[in-house]
Amino acid sequence: MTRPDFELRHKVDQRMSRVPLHHHDFYEIYFLVTGDVTYTIDSKLCRVLPGDILFVSPRELHKVRISTAQDPYERYVLWITPRYLRRLSTGRTDLARCLDPGREGYRNRLRVPPEDQRAVGALAARLYEEQQGEGYGRDLMPESLLIQLLVTLNRLADRDAAAQEDPARSSQLVSQAAEYIGAHCGESMSLDELAERFFVSKYYLSHEFNRIMGVSVHRYILKKRLLTACQLMAQGARPGQVWADCGFGDYTGFYRAFRAEYGVSPRDYALSVRD
């Protein structure tokens, strides 16, 4: 993302190179036009169909897999920063509500009736056209349409129109293990300890984790620790403080892992995200 507020992109892909499990500092909203894709979001598998809306928050590790035998993967992708979303919101209307994983009833995927699909698709298409144009009101219309889109999405989420995740494609074991890792990533943790906690062999747990998440248990723990460090630094914590709270043995190990993952030092990242 290159802008400090929001970007809306219209993308079409027949094939995609493999995208590793990752996260962003901004919110992502997808509206699928055509295609057959499956998203891994933390420990969940979401099959996304045309007309579906997908929410991904900065706190959620995710990746996508597309079926190349189907129609092209066409979608609108909205990226919006938390700071800008706060500015658009009011004391009465929190536009980030539908994007908050801590909200009761939160789901990553909305599957809505055809008339609502058409309404959301029309708003997305019009917002995209306004971003590309140079007509009168170019400085006002995109933000106005963005607010309309976000209000619409929040109303749809409040109606609880979201579909349940497909239980046949989710692993309860991996879900439980991922939730435990997220809650305890600041503590000492190993594959052996996790396997013992969930009463399975470490080989089975490792296999299932790789199958569902696409990364090893060790790699997932590392990513969760680094994500936690990012969140703490965004809240004002100093890099020299966060490494111990995130489960690293020393600052040197934290520094090396952080720079390898994000390409910047913890200090430079902390300076870039503070209000």
Protein backbone atom coordinates (compact mmCIF):
# COMPACT_ATOMS: atom_id res chain seq x y z
CA MET A 1 0.00 0.00 0.00
CA THR A 2 1.47 3.34 -1.06
CA ARG A 3 -1.15 5.83 0.19
CA PRO A 4 -1.68 6.91 3.82
CA ASP A 5 -5.46 6.52 3.69
CA PHE A 6 -6.98 3.90 1.36
CA GLU A 7 -6.63 2.21 -2.00
CA LEU A 8 -9.16 0.31 -4.07
CA ARG A 9 -7.83 -1.99 -6.76
CA HIS A 10 -9.54 -4.10 -9.40
CA LYS A 11 -7.48 -7.23 -10.05
CA VAL A 12 -7.79 -10.18 -12.41
CA ASP A 13 -5.49 -13.23 -12.21
CA GLN A 14 -5.68 -16.60 -13.95
CA ARG A 15 -2.68 -17.86 -12.03
CA MET A 16 -0.84 -16.55 -9.00
CA SER A 17 2.59 -17.30 -7.66
CA ARG A 18 2.56 -18.88 -4.24
CA VAL A 19 1.93 -16.27 -1.55
CA PRO A 20 3.27 -17.16 1.91
CA LEU A 21 1.34 -16.66 5.11
CA HIS A 22 1.58 -12.94 5.88
CA HIS A 23 -0.12 -9.93 7.45
CA HIS A 24 -0.39 -6.19 6.82
CA ASP A 25 -0.61 -3.01 8.89
CA PHE A 26 -3.91 -2.16 7.19
CA TYR A 27 -7.36 -3.68 6.79
CA GLU A 28 -8.26 -5.63 3.67
CA ILE A 29 -11.74 -6.09 2.22
CA TYR A 30 -12.26 -8.34 -0.81
CA PHE A 31 -15.32 -8.50 -3.05
CA LEU A 32 -15.07 -11.52 -5.34
CA VAL A 33 -16.44 -11.06 -8.86
CA THR A 34 -15.43 -14.40 -10.41
CA GLY A 35 -13.25 -17.35 -9.47
CA ASP A 36 -12.94 -20.17 -6.97
CA VAL A 37 -10.49 -19.32 -4.20
CA THR A 38 -9.71 -20.53 -0.69
CA TYR A 39 -8.26 -18.26 1.97
CA THR A 40 -6.36 -19.44 5.00
CA ILE A 41 -6.94 -16.87 7.75
CA ASP A 42 -5.16 -17.76 10.98
CA SER A 43 -6.44 -21.32 11.57
CA LYS A 44 -9.56 -21.10 9.36
CA LEU A 45 -10.14 -22.12 5.77
CA CYS A 46 -12.65 -19.92 3.91
CA ARG A 47 -13.83 -20.93 0.47
CA VAL A 48 -14.83 -17.69 -1.25
CA LEU A 49 -17.41 -17.70 -4.05
CA PRO A 50 -18.50 -14.94 -6.45
CA GLY A 51 -20.43 -12.29 -4.55
CA ASP A 52 -18.76 -13.09 -1.23
CA ILE A 53 -17.15 -10.37 0.89
CA LEU A 54 -14.03 -11.14 2.88
CA PHE A 55 -12.64 -9.19 5.85
CA VAL A 56 -9.00 -9.46 6.94
CA SER A 57 -7.73 -7.38 9.86
CA PRO A 58 -4.11 -6.40 10.61
CA ARG A 59 -4.09 -8.99 13.38
CA GLU A 60 -4.79 -11.96 11.08
CA LEU A 61 -2.16 -14.01 9.24
CA HIS A 62 -3.51 -15.07 5.86
CA LYS A 63 -2.80 -16.43 2.37
CA VAL A 64 -4.83 -17.35 -0.73
CA ARG A 65 -4.99 -20.34 -3.08
CA ILE A 66 -6.87 -20.12 -6.40
CA SER A 67 -8.28 -22.86 -8.58
CA THR A 68 -6.75 -22.39 -12.03
CA ALA A 69 -9.29 -24.71 -13.62
CA GLN A 70 -12.10 -22.24 -12.99
CA ASP A 71 -12.84 -18.67 -14.10
CA PRO A 72 -10.17 -16.00 -13.53
CA TYR A 73 -9.76 -14.72 -9.99
CA GLU A 74 -11.38 -11.29 -10.39
CA ARG A 75 -11.95 -9.11 -7.34
CA TYR A 76 -12.04 -5.65 -5.89
CA VAL A 77 -9.54 -5.20 -3.06
CA LEU A 78 -9.94 -2.34 -0.60
CA TRP A 79 -6.98 -1.47 1.61
CA ILE A 80 -7.59 1.03 4.39
CA THR A 81 -5.37 2.13 7.25
CA PRO A 82 -6.61 2.00 10.87
CA ARG A 83 -5.73 5.68 11.32
CA TYR A 84 -7.83 6.77 8.36
CA LEU A 85 -10.71 4.52 9.41
CA ARG A 86 -10.70 6.15 12.83
CA ARG A 87 -10.84 9.58 11.20
CA LEU A 88 -13.87 8.62 9.12
CA SER A 89 -15.70 7.16 12.13
CA THR A 90 -17.72 9.15 14.65
CA GLY A 91 -18.59 8.67 18.30
CA ARG A 92 -21.84 7.08 17.18
CA THR A 93 -20.63 5.13 14.16
CA ASP A 94 -17.49 2.98 14.32
CA LEU A 95 -16.79 2.03 10.71
CA ALA A 96 -14.18 -0.53 11.81
CA ARG A 97 -16.77 -2.55 13.72
CA CYS A 98 -17.31 -5.18 11.02
CA LEU A 99 -13.53 -5.59 10.72
CA ASP A 100 -12.83 -6.22 14.42
CA PRO A 101 -11.99 -9.89 15.19
CA GLY A 102 -12.84 -9.17 18.84
CA ARG A 103 -16.45 -8.34 17.98
CA GLU A 104 -19.03 -10.92 19.04
CA GLY A 105 -20.20 -12.83 15.98
CA TYR A 106 -17.25 -11.71 13.85
CA ARG A 107 -16.67 -13.79 10.74
CA ASN A 108 -14.19 -13.26 7.96
CA ARG A 109 -16.65 -14.08 5.20
CA LEU A 110 -19.99 -12.50 4.40
CA ARG A 111 -22.25 -14.45 2.07
CA VAL A 112 -25.15 -12.17 1.27
CA PRO A 113 -28.28 -12.31 -0.94
CA PRO A 114 -27.98 -11.39 -4.64
CA GLU A 115 -29.53 -7.94 -4.20
CA ASP A 116 -26.92 -7.06 -1.57
CA GLN A 117 -24.15 -8.47 -3.76
CA ARG A 118 -25.26 -6.15 -6.55
CA ALA A 119 -25.38 -3.14 -4.22
CA VAL A 120 -21.87 -3.76 -2.86
CA GLY A 121 -20.50 -4.50 -6.33
CA ALA A 122 -22.00 -1.32 -7.74
CA LEU A 123 -20.53 0.80 -4.93
CA ALA A 124 -17.10 -0.79 -5.39
CA ALA A 125 -17.19 -0.28 -9.17
CA ARG A 126 -18.27 3.35 -8.85
CA LEU A 127 -15.61 4.08 -6.22
CA TYR A 128 -12.97 2.54 -8.48
CA GLU A 129 -14.12 4.65 -11.45
CA GLU A 130 -14.08 7.84 -9.38
CA GLN A 131 -10.52 7.10 -8.25
CA GLN A 132 -9.41 6.83 -11.86
CA GLY A 133 -11.27 9.91 -13.12
CA GLU A 134 -10.48 13.61 -13.11
CA GLY A 135 -14.01 15.03 -13.07
CA TYR A 136 -15.57 17.68 -10.89
CA GLY A 137 -15.57 16.72 -7.21
CA ARG A 138 -12.69 14.26 -7.62
CA ASP A 139 -11.41 15.32 -4.18
CA LEU A 140 -14.74 14.62 -2.43
CA MET A 141 -16.60 11.85 -4.22
CA PRO A 142 -14.22 8.90 -3.48
CA GLU A 143 -14.38 9.48 0.29
CA SER A 144 -18.16 9.87 0.15
CA LEU A 145 -18.52 6.58 -1.73
CA LEU A 146 -16.08 4.87 0.62
CA ILE A 147 -18.18 5.87 3.63
CA GLN A 148 -21.32 4.56 1.90
CA LEU A 149 -19.55 1.27 1.19
CA LEU A 150 -18.32 0.87 4.78
CA VAL A 151 -21.73 1.68 6.26
CA THR A 152 -23.32 -0.88 3.93
CA LEU A 153 -20.81 -3.57 4.93
CA ASN A 154 -21.36 -2.90 8.62
CA ARG A 155 -25.13 -3.15 8.19
CA LEU A 156 -24.74 -6.46 6.38
CA ALA A 157 -22.48 -7.77 9.15
CA ASP A 158 -24.97 -6.64 11.80
CA ARG A 159 -27.69 -8.60 10.04
CA ASP A 160 -25.54 -11.66 10.61
CA ALA A 161 -25.73 -12.62 6.94
CA ALA A 162 -22.32 -14.28 7.12
CA ALA A 163 -22.03 -17.94 6.22
CA GLN A 164 -20.51 -20.43 8.64
CA GLU A 165 -17.00 -21.64 7.88
CA ASP A 166 -16.92 -24.97 6.09
CA PRO A 167 -16.25 -27.47 8.91
CA ALA A 168 -15.22 -30.20 6.49
CA ARG A 169 -12.22 -28.15 5.42
CA SER A 170 -11.06 -26.99 8.80
CA SER A 171 -8.96 -28.91 11.24
CA GLN A 172 -10.14 -28.64 14.82
CA LEU A 173 -6.70 -29.67 16.03
CA VAL A 174 -4.93 -26.94 14.03
CA SER A 175 -7.54 -24.37 15.07
CA GLN A 176 -7.05 -25.18 18.75
CA ALA A 177 -3.27 -25.21 18.43
CA ALA A 178 -3.24 -21.88 16.56
CA GLU A 179 -5.50 -20.28 19.17
CA TYR A 180 -3.20 -21.53 21.92
CA ILE A 181 -0.13 -20.18 20.13
CA GLY A 182 -1.80 -16.80 19.71
CA ALA A 183 -2.71 -16.61 23.39
CA HIS A 184 0.68 -17.81 24.68
CA CYS A 185 3.20 -16.67 22.05
CA GLY A 186 5.10 -14.73 24.71
CA GLU A 187 5.90 -17.95 26.53
CA SER A 188 8.41 -20.69 25.82
CA MET A 189 6.87 -23.07 23.31
CA SER A 190 7.96 -26.03 21.18
CA LEU A 191 6.42 -28.59 18.87
CA ASP A 192 6.95 -31.29 21.50
CA GLU A 193 5.16 -29.24 24.15
CA LEU A 194 2.23 -28.49 21.85
CA ALA A 195 1.88 -32.13 20.84
CA GLU A 196 1.85 -33.18 24.48
CA ARG A 197 -0.77 -30.55 25.34
CA PHE A 198 -3.13 -31.72 22.59
CA PHE A 199 -2.44 -35.44 23.10
CA VAL A 200 -1.17 -36.13 19.58
CA SER A 201 2.19 -37.09 18.14
CA LYS A 202 4.43 -34.23 17.07
CA TYR A 203 4.64 -35.76 13.59
CA TYR A 204 0.86 -35.70 13.15
CA LEU A 205 0.58 -32.14 14.49
CA SER A 206 3.40 -30.99 12.22
CA HIS A 207 1.78 -32.64 9.19
CA GLU A 208 -1.65 -31.14 9.87
CA PHE A 209 -0.22 -27.70 10.51
CA ASN A 210 1.68 -27.73 7.23
CA ARG A 211 -1.39 -29.01 5.38
CA ILE A 212 -3.78 -26.37 6.72
CA MET A 213 -1.51 -23.39 7.32
CA GLY A 214 1.17 -23.95 4.70
CA VAL A 215 3.92 -23.29 7.25
CA SER A 216 5.61 -25.26 10.01
CA VAL A 217 4.61 -24.91 13.65
CA HIS A 218 7.93 -23.19 14.35
CA ARG A 219 7.39 -20.68 11.54
CA TYR A 220 3.84 -19.94 12.68
CA ILE A 221 5.01 -19.29 16.25
CA LEU A 222 7.68 -16.92 14.93
CA LYS A 223 5.18 -15.03 12.77
CA LYS A 224 2.77 -14.68 15.69
CA ARG A 225 5.54 -13.35 17.92
CA LEU A 226 6.61 -10.81 15.31
CA LEU A 227 3.01 -9.76 14.71
CA THR A 228 2.56 -9.23 18.46
CA ALA A 229 5.73 -7.13 18.50
CA CYS A 230 4.36 -4.96 15.67
CA GLN A 231 1.13 -4.39 17.58
CA LEU A 232 2.96 -3.46 20.80
CA MET A 233 5.24 -1.01 19.00
CA ALA A 234 2.25 0.56 17.25
CA GLN A 235 0.83 1.17 20.73
CA GLY A 236 3.99 2.97 21.80
CA ALA A 237 6.20 0.25 23.29
CA ARG A 238 9.94 0.60 22.62
CA PRO A 239 11.73 -2.09 20.57
CA GLY A 240 14.07 -2.76 23.48
CA GLN A 241 11.07 -3.71 25.62
CA VAL A 242 8.95 -5.89 23.37
CA TRP A 243 11.32 -8.75 22.62
CA ALA A 244 10.93 -10.40 26.05
CA ASP A 245 7.12 -9.98 26.02
CA CYS A 246 6.97 -11.71 22.64
CA GLY A 247 8.88 -14.84 23.61
CA PHE A 248 12.33 -14.06 22.20
CA GLY A 249 15.39 -15.12 24.18
CA ASP A 250 17.31 -11.88 23.58
CA TYR A 251 17.16 -8.65 21.60
CA THR A 252 19.71 -9.83 19.02
CA GLY A 253 17.54 -12.79 18.02
CA PHE A 254 14.47 -10.55 17.89
CA TYR A 255 16.27 -7.96 15.76
CA ARG A 256 17.50 -10.52 13.24
CA ALA A 257 14.09 -12.21 12.92
CA PHE A 258 12.27 -8.87 12.59
CA ARG A 259 14.61 -7.53 9.91
CA ALA A 260 14.48 -10.81 7.96
CA GLU A 261 10.66 -10.76 8.01
CA TYR A 262 9.95 -7.10 7.30
CA GLY A 263 13.13 -5.70 5.77
CA VAL A 264 13.46 -2.91 8.35
CA SER A 265 14.81 -2.68 11.87
CA PRO A 266 12.40 -2.73 14.84
CA ARG A 267 13.34 0.89 15.62
CA ASP A 268 12.56 2.10 12.09
CA TYR A 269 9.26 0.22 12.13
CA ALA A 270 8.29 1.71 15.50
CA LEU A 271 9.00 5.22 14.24
CA SER A 272 6.91 4.65 11.08
CA VAL A 273 3.73 3.47 12.83
CA ARG A 274 3.45 5.87 15.75
CA ASP A 275 0.77 8.52 15.54
